[in-house]
């Protein structure tokens, strides 16, 4: 499964006051339910990690 967030990363969505995030690979599927504040913190951390990764060489 390939999407705009990468292979196996599903579109996050809000349900019952929490943010649902799913990831799927060949072995199975994982889903996390996180609070809106946790989702915001995760988003900021992902931005920081992306900036760090851009500065690294393969």
PDB file of N, CA and C in Angstrom:
ATOM      1  N   UNK A   1       0.835  -1.170   0.000  1.00  0.00           N
ATOM      2  CA  UNK A   1       0.000   0.000   0.000  1.00  0.00           C
ATOM      3  C   UNK A   1       0.887   1.242   0.000  1.00  0.00           C
ATOM      4  N   UNK A   2       0.781   2.047  -1.011  1.00  0.00           N
ATOM      5  CA  UNK A   2       1.566   3.261  -1.100  1.00  0.00           C
ATOM      6  C   UNK A   2       0.628   4.458  -1.122  1.00  0.00           C
ATOM      7  N   UNK A   3       0.922   5.436  -0.316  1.00  0.00           N
ATOM      8  CA  UNK A   3       0.081   6.620  -0.253  1.00  0.00           C
ATOM      9  C   UNK A   3       0.928   7.869  -0.191  1.00  0.00           C
ATOM     10  N   UNK A   4       0.282   8.983   0.039  1.00  0.00           N
ATOM     11  CA  UNK A   4       1.011  10.245   0.047  1.00  0.00           C
ATOM     12  C   UNK A   4       1.939  10.390   1.249  1.00  0.00           C
ATOM     13  N   UNK A   5       1.765   9.554   2.274  1.00  0.00           N
ATOM     14  CA  UNK A   5       2.624   9.624   3.456  1.00  0.00           C
ATOM     15  C   UNK A   5       3.731   8.582   3.431  1.00  0.00           C
ATOM     16  N   UNK A   6       3.745   7.732   2.426  1.00  0.00           N
ATOM     17  CA  UNK A   6       4.763   6.689   2.321  1.00  0.00           C
ATOM     18  C   UNK A   6       4.126   5.317   2.297  1.00  0.00           C
ATOM     19  N   UNK A   7       4.944   4.325   2.077  1.00  0.00           N
ATOM     20  CA  UNK A   7       4.457   2.949   2.006  1.00  0.00           C
ATOM     21  C   UNK A   7       3.864   2.509   3.335  1.00  0.00           C
ATOM     22  N   UNK A   8       2.620   2.112   3.307  1.00  0.00           N
ATOM     23  CA  UNK A   8       1.968   1.553   4.472  1.00  0.00           C
ATOM     24  C   UNK A   8       1.452   2.550   5.490  1.00  0.00           C
ATOM     25  N   UNK A   9       1.673   3.830   5.286  1.00  0.00           N
ATOM     26  CA  UNK A   9       1.204   4.836   6.242  1.00  0.00           C
ATOM     27  C   UNK A   9      -0.171   5.312   5.797  1.00  0.00           C
ATOM     28  N   UNK A  10      -1.154   5.082   6.649  1.00  0.00           N
ATOM     29  CA  UNK A  10      -2.533   5.432   6.319  1.00  0.00           C
ATOM     30  C   UNK A  10      -2.851   6.877   6.679  1.00  0.00           C
ATOM     31  N   UNK A  11      -3.887   7.395   6.085  1.00  0.00           N
ATOM     32  CA  UNK A  11      -4.353   8.751   6.366  1.00  0.00           C
ATOM     33  C   UNK A  11      -4.842   8.832   7.820  1.00  0.00           C
ATOM     34  N   UNK A  12      -4.277   9.727   8.633  1.00  0.00           N
ATOM     35  CA  UNK A  12      -4.786   9.895   9.997  1.00  0.00           C
ATOM     36  C   UNK A  12      -6.190  10.491   9.957  1.00  0.00           C
ATOM     37  N   UNK A  13      -6.996  10.168  10.968  1.00  0.00           N
ATOM     38  CA  UNK A  13      -8.343  10.726  11.033  1.00  0.00           C
ATOM     39  C   UNK A  13      -8.777  10.878  12.480  1.00  0.00           C
ATOM     40  N   UNK A  14      -9.738  11.759  12.698  1.00  0.00           N
ATOM     41  CA  UNK A  14     -10.272  11.997  14.038  1.00  0.00           C
ATOM     42  C   UNK A  14     -11.529  11.161  14.235  1.00  0.00           C
ATOM     43  N   UNK A  15     -11.638  10.536  15.423  1.00  0.00           N
ATOM     44  CA  UNK A  15     -12.800   9.718  15.750  1.00  0.00           C
ATOM     45  C   UNK A  15     -12.981   9.715  17.258  1.00  0.00           C
ATOM     46  N   UNK A  16     -14.124  10.096  17.717  1.00  0.00           N
ATOM     47  CA  UNK A  16     -14.459  10.085  19.151  1.00  0.00           C
ATOM     48  C   UNK A  16     -13.467  10.879  20.003  1.00  0.00           C
ATOM     49  N   UNK A  17     -12.993  12.003  19.485  1.00  0.00           N
ATOM     50  CA  UNK A  17     -12.118  12.865  20.263  1.00  0.00           C
ATOM     51  C   UNK A  17     -10.660  12.470  20.278  1.00  0.00           C
ATOM     52  N   UNK A  18     -10.274  11.465  19.510  1.00  0.00           N
ATOM     53  CA  UNK A  18      -8.870  11.076  19.420  1.00  0.00           C
ATOM     54  C   UNK A  18      -8.456  11.018  17.951  1.00  0.00           C
ATOM     55  N   UNK A  19      -7.156  11.034  17.729  1.00  0.00           N
ATOM     56  CA  UNK A  19      -6.610  10.921  16.384  1.00  0.00           C
ATOM     57  C   UNK A  19      -6.174   9.470  16.184  1.00  0.00           C
ATOM     58  N   UNK A  20      -6.623   8.879  15.110  1.00  0.00           N
ATOM     59  CA  UNK A  20      -6.271   7.499  14.759  1.00  0.00           C
ATOM     60  C   UNK A  20      -5.184   7.522  13.698  1.00  0.00           C
ATOM     61  N   UNK A  21      -4.115   6.769  13.927  1.00  0.00           N
ATOM     62  CA  UNK A  21      -3.012   6.679  12.980  1.00  0.00           C
ATOM     63  C   UNK A  21      -2.741   5.205  12.728  1.00  0.00           C
ATOM     64  N   UNK A  22      -2.696   4.813  11.466  1.00  0.00           N
ATOM     65  CA  UNK A  22      -2.454   3.419  11.133  1.00  0.00           C
ATOM     66  C   UNK A  22      -1.240   3.243  10.250  1.00  0.00           C
ATOM     67  N   UNK A  23      -0.525   2.132  10.475  1.00  0.00           N
ATOM     68  CA  UNK A  23       0.630   1.762   9.664  1.00  0.00           C
ATOM     69  C   UNK A  23       0.498   0.286   9.341  1.00  0.00           C
ATOM     70  N   UNK A  24       0.756  -0.055   8.087  1.00  0.00           N
ATOM     71  CA  UNK A  24       0.639  -1.440   7.657  1.00  0.00           C
ATOM     72  C   UNK A  24       1.920  -1.853   6.944  1.00  0.00           C
ATOM     73  N   UNK A  25       2.408  -3.066   7.277  1.00  0.00           N
ATOM     74  CA  UNK A  25       3.539  -3.621   6.541  1.00  0.00           C
ATOM     75  C   UNK A  25       3.220  -5.059   6.176  1.00  0.00           C
ATOM     76  N   UNK A  26       4.214  -5.774   5.736  1.00  0.00           N
ATOM     77  CA  UNK A  26       3.983  -7.144   5.278  1.00  0.00           C
ATOM     78  C   UNK A  26       3.547  -8.081   6.399  1.00  0.00           C
ATOM     79  N   UNK A  27       3.930  -7.778   7.634  1.00  0.00           N
ATOM     80  CA  UNK A  27       3.611  -8.643   8.770  1.00  0.00           C
ATOM     81  C   UNK A  27       2.267  -8.338   9.416  1.00  0.00           C
ATOM     82  N   UNK A  28       1.703  -7.199   9.135  1.00  0.00           N
ATOM     83  CA  UNK A  28       0.435  -6.870   9.757  1.00  0.00           C
ATOM     84  C   UNK A  28       0.178  -5.381   9.796  1.00  0.00           C
ATOM     85  N   UNK A  29      -0.681  -5.000  10.718  1.00  0.00           N
ATOM     86  CA  UNK A  29      -1.138  -3.628  10.804  1.00  0.00           C
ATOM     87  C   UNK A  29      -1.095  -3.160  12.253  1.00  0.00           C
ATOM     88  N   UNK A  30      -0.681  -1.923  12.444  1.00  0.00           N
ATOM     89  CA  UNK A  30      -0.665  -1.327  13.779  1.00  0.00           C
ATOM     90  C   UNK A  30      -1.471  -0.040  13.734  1.00  0.00           C
ATOM     91  N   UNK A  31      -2.189   0.224  14.790  1.00  0.00           N
ATOM     92  CA  UNK A  31      -2.998   1.436  14.877  1.00  0.00           C
ATOM     93  C   UNK A  31      -2.775   2.052  16.252  1.00  0.00           C
ATOM     94  N   UNK A  32      -2.652   3.378  16.259  1.00  0.00           N
ATOM     95  CA  UNK A  32      -2.509   4.112  17.517  1.00  0.00           C
ATOM     96  C   UNK A  32      -3.636   5.121  17.638  1.00  0.00           C
ATOM     97  N   UNK A  33      -4.155   5.252  18.830  1.00  0.00           N
ATOM     98  CA  UNK A  33      -5.147   6.280  19.146  1.00  0.00           C
ATOM     99  C   UNK A  33      -4.477   7.264  20.080  1.00  0.00           C
ATOM    100  N   UNK A  34      -4.302   8.492  19.623  1.00  0.00           N
ATOM    101  CA  UNK A  34      -3.599   9.483  20.426  1.00  0.00           C
ATOM    102  C   UNK A  34      -4.457  10.739  20.583  1.00  0.00           C
ATOM    103  N   UNK A  35      -4.223  11.445  21.670  1.00  0.00           N
ATOM    104  CA  UNK A  35      -4.989  12.660  21.950  1.00  0.00           C
ATOM    105  C   UNK A  35      -4.612  13.749  20.949  1.00  0.00           C
ATOM    106  N   UNK A  36      -5.455  14.764  20.816  1.00  0.00           N
ATOM    107  CA  UNK A  36      -5.103  15.878  19.932  1.00  0.00           C
ATOM    108  C   UNK A  36      -3.759  16.532  20.299  1.00  0.00           C
ATOM    109  N   UNK A  37      -3.489  16.700  21.586  1.00  0.00           N
ATOM    110  CA  UNK A  37      -2.205  17.293  21.996  1.00  0.00           C
ATOM    111  C   UNK A  37      -1.030  16.395  21.620  1.00  0.00           C
ATOM    112  N   UNK A  38      -1.182  15.087  21.824  1.00  0.00           N
ATOM    113  CA  UNK A  38      -0.122  14.155  21.427  1.00  0.00           C
ATOM    114  C   UNK A  38       0.094  14.186  19.921  1.00  0.00           C
ATOM    115  N   UNK A  39      -0.988  14.299  19.160  1.00  0.00           N
ATOM    116  CA  UNK A  39      -0.874  14.362  17.701  1.00  0.00           C
ATOM    117  C   UNK A  39      -0.102  15.614  17.279  1.00  0.00           C
ATOM    118  N   UNK A  40      -0.373  16.729  17.926  1.00  0.00           N
ATOM    119  CA  UNK A  40       0.352  17.965  17.617  1.00  0.00           C
ATOM    120  C   UNK A  40       1.838  17.816  17.924  1.00  0.00           C
ATOM    121  N   UNK A  41       2.158  17.239  19.090  1.00  0.00           N
ATOM    122  CA  UNK A  41       3.559  17.033  19.450  1.00  0.00           C
ATOM    123  C   UNK A  41       4.246  16.085  18.475  1.00  0.00           C
ATOM    124  N   UNK A  42       3.555  15.028  18.081  1.00  0.00           N
ATOM    125  CA  UNK A  42       4.114  14.087  17.116  1.00  0.00           C
ATOM    126  C   UNK A  42       4.378  14.778  15.783  1.00  0.00           C
ATOM    127  N   UNK A  43       3.447  15.611  15.344  1.00  0.00           N
ATOM    128  CA  UNK A  43       3.632  16.346  14.099  1.00  0.00           C
ATOM    129  C   UNK A  43       4.874  17.230  14.151  1.00  0.00           C
ATOM    130  N   UNK A  44       5.062  17.933  15.252  1.00  0.00           N
ATOM    131  CA  UNK A  44       6.243  18.786  15.394  1.00  0.00           C
ATOM    132  C   UNK A  44       7.521  17.962  15.416  1.00  0.00           C
ATOM    133  N   UNK A  45       7.483  16.816  16.087  1.00  0.00           N
ATOM    134  CA  UNK A  45       8.673  15.953  16.153  1.00  0.00           C
ATOM    135  C   UNK A  45       8.997  15.355  14.789  1.00  0.00           C
ATOM    136  N   UNK A  46       7.966  15.032  14.018  1.00  0.00           N
ATOM    137  CA  UNK A  46       8.198  14.515  12.667  1.00  0.00           C
ATOM    138  C   UNK A  46       8.846  15.577  11.786  1.00  0.00           C
ATOM    139  N   UNK A  47       8.432  16.819  11.934  1.00  0.00           N
ATOM    140  CA  UNK A  47       9.058  17.907  11.174  1.00  0.00           C
ATOM    141  C   UNK A  47      10.529  18.030  11.556  1.00  0.00           C
ATOM    142  N   UNK A  48      10.827  17.973  12.846  1.00  0.00           N
ATOM    143  CA  UNK A  48      12.217  18.071  13.299  1.00  0.00           C
ATOM    144  C   UNK A  48      13.035  16.893  12.769  1.00  0.00           C
ATOM    145  N   UNK A  49      12.490  15.688  12.822  1.00  0.00           N
ATOM    146  CA  UNK A  49      13.206  14.511  12.322  1.00  0.00           C
ATOM    147  C   UNK A  49      13.443  14.618  10.817  1.00  0.00           C
ATOM    148  N   UNK A  50      12.470  15.155  10.078  1.00  0.00           N
ATOM    149  CA  UNK A  50      12.636  15.325   8.631  1.00  0.00           C
ATOM    150  C   UNK A  50      13.765  16.312   8.340  1.00  0.00           C
ATOM    151  N   UNK A  51      13.819  17.392   9.095  1.00  0.00           N
ATOM    152  CA  UNK A  51      14.898  18.366   8.918  1.00  0.00           C
ATOM    153  C   UNK A  51      16.253  17.731   9.215  1.00  0.00           C
ATOM    154  N   UNK A  52      16.329  16.916  10.264  1.00  0.00           N
ATOM    155  CA  UNK A  52      17.576  16.225  10.611  1.00  0.00           C
ATOM    156  C   UNK A  52      17.970  15.237   9.519  1.00  0.00           C
ATOM    157  N   UNK A  53      17.001  14.512   8.991  1.00  0.00           N
ATOM    158  CA  UNK A  53      17.278  13.512   7.958  1.00  0.00           C
ATOM    159  C   UNK A  53      17.779  14.161   6.680  1.00  0.00           C
ATOM    160  N   UNK A  54      17.248  15.326   6.342  1.00  0.00           N
ATOM    161  CA  UNK A  54      17.713  16.015   5.139  1.00  0.00           C
ATOM    162  C   UNK A  54      19.183  16.389   5.224  1.00  0.00           C
ATOM    163  N   UNK A  55      19.668  16.621   6.431  1.00  0.00           N
ATOM    164  CA  UNK A  55      21.054  16.998   6.616  1.00  0.00           C
ATOM    165  C   UNK A  55      22.020  15.819   6.606  1.00  0.00           C
ATOM    166  N   UNK A  56      21.501  14.626   6.568  1.00  0.00           N
ATOM    167  CA  UNK A  56      22.337  13.432   6.589  1.00  0.00           C
ATOM    168  C   UNK A  56      22.559  12.923   5.166  1.00  0.00           C
ATOM    169  N   UNK A  57      23.687  12.279   4.973  1.00  0.00           N
ATOM    170  CA  UNK A  57      23.970  11.661   3.681  1.00  0.00           C
ATOM    171  C   UNK A  57      23.683  10.182   3.741  1.00  0.00           C
ATOM    172  N   UNK A  58      23.316   9.626   2.604  1.00  0.00           N
ATOM    173  CA  UNK A  58      23.038   8.182   2.519  1.00  0.00           C
ATOM    174  C   UNK A  58      24.306   7.412   2.502  1.00  0.00           C
TER     175      UNK A  58
END
